Structures are given as structure tokens and as C-alpha cells.
Amino acid sequence: MLINLKAKPGAKENKIEKLDDEHFAVSVKEPPVQGRANAAIIKLLAGYFGVMPSDVAIVSGHISRNKIIRINR
């Protein structure tokens, strides 16, 4: 499954907002430094979808706030 994601690093709390079936907004506390925000996003999405973090991958947008994420179920 592929989803479009709007990342919000450096937020006050970790939060996932489902905008529709394919679009999500994810806020994480981690700053966008050395991949820390991306790692936090992967961990948060894995918990949300009930999969292992290794089943969540960033397809595009590694250094962008707009990302495409693949989730293997």
C-alpha cells in the first residue's frame, strides 16, 4: 500500500491525522536532522498500521516534508 504523507517535524507531540484513504499528516517531536524525523515517522506509522518498522519504507521525499510511504502488510 502506498500513502502520501505531509511530515511535520519538531512538533509538540507525535500525532497521525488521516486526511483520506491515501493522505496522512504526521507530526513528530524529532527534528529533521540526520534522519531522526524520518525514523520517528516510520516507527509511528508502524504502530498505527500494526506492522513492523521494517515493513514501512520511504519511497520518495527523504529530505522533503511531502513523502510517499510504502507499507507492506
N, C-alpha and C. Protein backbone atom coordinates (compact mmCIF):
# COMPACT_ATOMS: atom_id res chain seq x y z
N MET A 1 0.85 -1.17 0.00
CA MET A 1 0.00 0.00 0.00
C MET A 1 0.90 1.24 0.00
N LEU A 2 0.55 2.21 -0.81
CA LEU A 2 1.27 3.48 -0.84
C LEU A 2 0.39 4.57 -0.24
N ILE A 3 1.02 5.45 0.56
CA ILE A 3 0.29 6.59 1.10
C ILE A 3 1.10 7.85 0.85
N ASN A 4 0.41 8.96 0.73
CA ASN A 4 1.04 10.28 0.63
C ASN A 4 1.02 10.88 2.02
N LEU A 5 2.14 11.49 2.39
CA LEU A 5 2.29 11.95 3.76
C LEU A 5 2.85 13.36 3.78
N LYS A 6 2.30 14.19 4.65
CA LYS A 6 2.83 15.52 4.92
C LYS A 6 3.49 15.46 6.29
N ALA A 7 4.80 15.58 6.34
CA ALA A 7 5.55 15.47 7.59
C ALA A 7 5.62 16.83 8.29
N LYS A 8 5.50 16.79 9.61
CA LYS A 8 5.62 17.99 10.43
C LYS A 8 6.62 17.70 11.55
N PRO A 9 7.92 17.81 11.26
CA PRO A 9 8.94 17.55 12.30
C PRO A 9 9.01 18.68 13.31
N GLY A 10 9.53 18.37 14.49
CA GLY A 10 9.70 19.37 15.53
C GLY A 10 8.39 19.79 16.18
N ALA A 11 7.38 18.93 16.13
CA ALA A 11 6.08 19.25 16.72
C ALA A 11 6.11 19.04 18.23
N LYS A 12 5.07 19.49 18.90
CA LYS A 12 4.99 19.34 20.35
C LYS A 12 4.63 17.92 20.76
N GLU A 13 3.94 17.17 19.86
CA GLU A 13 3.55 15.80 20.18
C GLU A 13 3.57 14.96 18.91
N ASN A 14 3.72 13.65 19.09
CA ASN A 14 3.64 12.71 17.97
C ASN A 14 2.17 12.46 17.68
N LYS A 15 1.78 12.62 16.39
CA LYS A 15 0.37 12.51 16.06
C LYS A 15 0.22 12.14 14.59
N ILE A 16 -0.78 11.31 14.28
CA ILE A 16 -1.12 10.96 12.91
C ILE A 16 -2.54 11.43 12.64
N GLU A 17 -2.71 12.19 11.55
CA GLU A 17 -4.03 12.63 11.13
C GLU A 17 -4.33 12.00 9.78
N LYS A 18 -5.42 11.27 9.70
CA LYS A 18 -5.83 10.67 8.43
C LYS A 18 -6.71 11.68 7.70
N LEU A 19 -6.23 12.15 6.55
CA LEU A 19 -6.99 13.13 5.77
C LEU A 19 -7.99 12.44 4.86
N ASP A 20 -7.57 11.35 4.22
CA ASP A 20 -8.45 10.46 3.47
C ASP A 20 -7.74 9.12 3.38
N ASP A 21 -8.20 8.21 2.52
CA ASP A 21 -7.64 6.86 2.49
C ASP A 21 -6.15 6.82 2.12
N GLU A 22 -5.67 7.79 1.34
CA GLU A 22 -4.29 7.77 0.88
C GLU A 22 -3.44 8.94 1.38
N HIS A 23 -4.03 9.87 2.10
CA HIS A 23 -3.30 11.06 2.55
C HIS A 23 -3.33 11.18 4.06
N PHE A 24 -2.13 11.38 4.61
CA PHE A 24 -1.97 11.50 6.06
C PHE A 24 -1.08 12.70 6.37
N ALA A 25 -1.26 13.27 7.55
CA ALA A 25 -0.36 14.28 8.10
C ALA A 25 0.21 13.68 9.38
N VAL A 26 1.54 13.66 9.46
CA VAL A 26 2.21 13.06 10.61
C VAL A 26 3.09 14.09 11.29
N SER A 27 2.85 14.31 12.56
CA SER A 27 3.67 15.22 13.38
C SER A 27 4.54 14.38 14.29
N VAL A 28 5.83 14.72 14.33
CA VAL A 28 6.76 14.04 15.23
C VAL A 28 7.58 15.06 16.00
N LYS A 29 7.98 14.70 17.21
CA LYS A 29 8.78 15.59 18.04
C LYS A 29 10.21 15.76 17.54
N GLU A 30 10.73 14.75 16.87
CA GLU A 30 12.13 14.76 16.43
C GLU A 30 12.38 15.85 15.40
N PRO A 31 13.55 16.48 15.44
CA PRO A 31 13.90 17.49 14.44
C PRO A 31 14.35 16.81 13.14
N PRO A 32 14.29 17.54 12.03
CA PRO A 32 14.71 16.96 10.75
C PRO A 32 16.23 16.99 10.59
N VAL A 33 16.92 16.32 11.49
CA VAL A 33 18.38 16.31 11.50
C VAL A 33 18.86 14.86 11.46
N GLN A 34 19.75 14.55 10.53
CA GLN A 34 20.37 13.22 10.41
C GLN A 34 19.34 12.09 10.36
N GLY A 35 18.20 12.33 9.72
CA GLY A 35 17.21 11.28 9.53
C GLY A 35 16.40 10.94 10.77
N ARG A 36 16.54 11.72 11.83
CA ARG A 36 15.82 11.40 13.07
C ARG A 36 14.31 11.52 12.91
N ALA A 37 13.85 12.54 12.18
CA ALA A 37 12.41 12.71 11.97
C ALA A 37 11.87 11.57 11.10
N ASN A 38 12.60 11.17 10.08
CA ASN A 38 12.16 10.06 9.23
C ASN A 38 12.05 8.76 10.03
N ALA A 39 13.01 8.50 10.90
CA ALA A 39 12.98 7.30 11.73
C ALA A 39 11.77 7.33 12.66
N ALA A 40 11.47 8.50 13.21
CA ALA A 40 10.31 8.64 14.10
C ALA A 40 9.01 8.44 13.33
N ILE A 41 8.95 8.94 12.10
CA ILE A 41 7.76 8.76 11.26
C ILE A 41 7.54 7.29 10.97
N ILE A 42 8.60 6.58 10.61
CA ILE A 42 8.49 5.15 10.31
C ILE A 42 8.00 4.38 11.53
N LYS A 43 8.55 4.67 12.69
CA LYS A 43 8.15 3.99 13.92
C LYS A 43 6.68 4.28 14.26
N LEU A 44 6.27 5.53 14.11
CA LEU A 44 4.89 5.92 14.41
C LEU A 44 3.91 5.27 13.44
N LEU A 45 4.23 5.25 12.15
CA LEU A 45 3.36 4.62 11.17
C LEU A 45 3.27 3.11 11.37
N ALA A 46 4.38 2.49 11.75
CA ALA A 46 4.37 1.04 12.00
C ALA A 46 3.39 0.71 13.12
N GLY A 47 3.39 1.49 14.18
CA GLY A 47 2.45 1.28 15.27
C GLY A 47 1.01 1.53 14.84
N TYR A 48 0.79 2.55 14.04
CA TYR A 48 -0.55 2.90 13.58
C TYR A 48 -1.16 1.79 12.72
N PHE A 49 -0.35 1.23 11.81
CA PHE A 49 -0.83 0.21 10.89
C PHE A 49 -0.64 -1.21 11.43
N GLY A 50 -0.01 -1.37 12.58
CA GLY A 50 0.16 -2.68 13.18
C GLY A 50 1.14 -3.57 12.45
N VAL A 51 2.23 -2.97 11.93
CA VAL A 51 3.26 -3.73 11.23
C VAL A 51 4.61 -3.45 11.89
N MET A 52 5.62 -4.20 11.48
CA MET A 52 6.97 -3.96 11.99
C MET A 52 7.55 -2.72 11.29
N PRO A 53 8.44 -1.98 11.95
CA PRO A 53 9.07 -0.83 11.29
C PRO A 53 9.80 -1.20 9.99
N SER A 54 10.27 -2.43 9.88
CA SER A 54 10.94 -2.85 8.64
C SER A 54 9.97 -2.99 7.48
N ASP A 55 8.66 -3.01 7.76
CA ASP A 55 7.64 -3.09 6.71
C ASP A 55 7.19 -1.71 6.22
N VAL A 56 7.78 -0.66 6.75
CA VAL A 56 7.46 0.72 6.35
C VAL A 56 8.70 1.31 5.71
N ALA A 57 8.54 1.86 4.50
CA ALA A 57 9.69 2.43 3.78
C ALA A 57 9.29 3.73 3.11
N ILE A 58 10.22 4.68 3.11
CA ILE A 58 10.02 5.94 2.41
C ILE A 58 10.43 5.72 0.96
N VAL A 59 9.48 5.86 0.04
CA VAL A 59 9.75 5.65 -1.38
C VAL A 59 10.36 6.90 -1.99
N SER A 60 9.80 8.06 -1.67
CA SER A 60 10.36 9.32 -2.15
C SER A 60 10.09 10.41 -1.12
N GLY A 61 10.93 11.44 -1.16
CA GLY A 61 10.77 12.57 -0.25
C GLY A 61 11.58 12.46 1.02
N HIS A 62 12.74 11.81 0.95
CA HIS A 62 13.57 11.63 2.14
C HIS A 62 13.93 12.96 2.79
N ILE A 63 14.15 14.01 1.99
CA ILE A 63 14.53 15.31 2.57
C ILE A 63 13.44 16.36 2.33
N SER A 64 12.23 15.90 2.06
CA SER A 64 11.10 16.79 1.82
C SER A 64 10.03 16.54 2.88
N ARG A 65 9.18 17.52 3.09
CA ARG A 65 8.05 17.32 4.00
C ARG A 65 6.96 16.47 3.36
N ASN A 66 6.90 16.47 2.03
CA ASN A 66 5.94 15.64 1.31
C ASN A 66 6.62 14.33 0.93
N LYS A 67 6.06 13.23 1.42
CA LYS A 67 6.68 11.93 1.24
C LYS A 67 5.68 10.93 0.67
N ILE A 68 6.21 9.92 0.01
CA ILE A 68 5.42 8.77 -0.39
C ILE A 68 5.97 7.59 0.40
N ILE A 69 5.09 6.90 1.10
CA ILE A 69 5.46 5.81 2.00
C ILE A 69 4.86 4.51 1.51
N ARG A 70 5.65 3.44 1.51
CA ARG A 70 5.14 2.10 1.18
C ARG A 70 5.01 1.32 2.49
N ILE A 71 3.82 0.71 2.67
CA ILE A 71 3.58 -0.11 3.84
C ILE A 71 3.24 -1.52 3.37
N ASN A 72 4.06 -2.47 3.78
CA ASN A 72 3.84 -3.88 3.42
C ASN A 72 3.01 -4.52 4.52
N ARG A 73 1.88 -5.07 4.15
CA ARG A 73 1.01 -5.72 5.14
C ARG A 73 1.01 -7.20 4.93
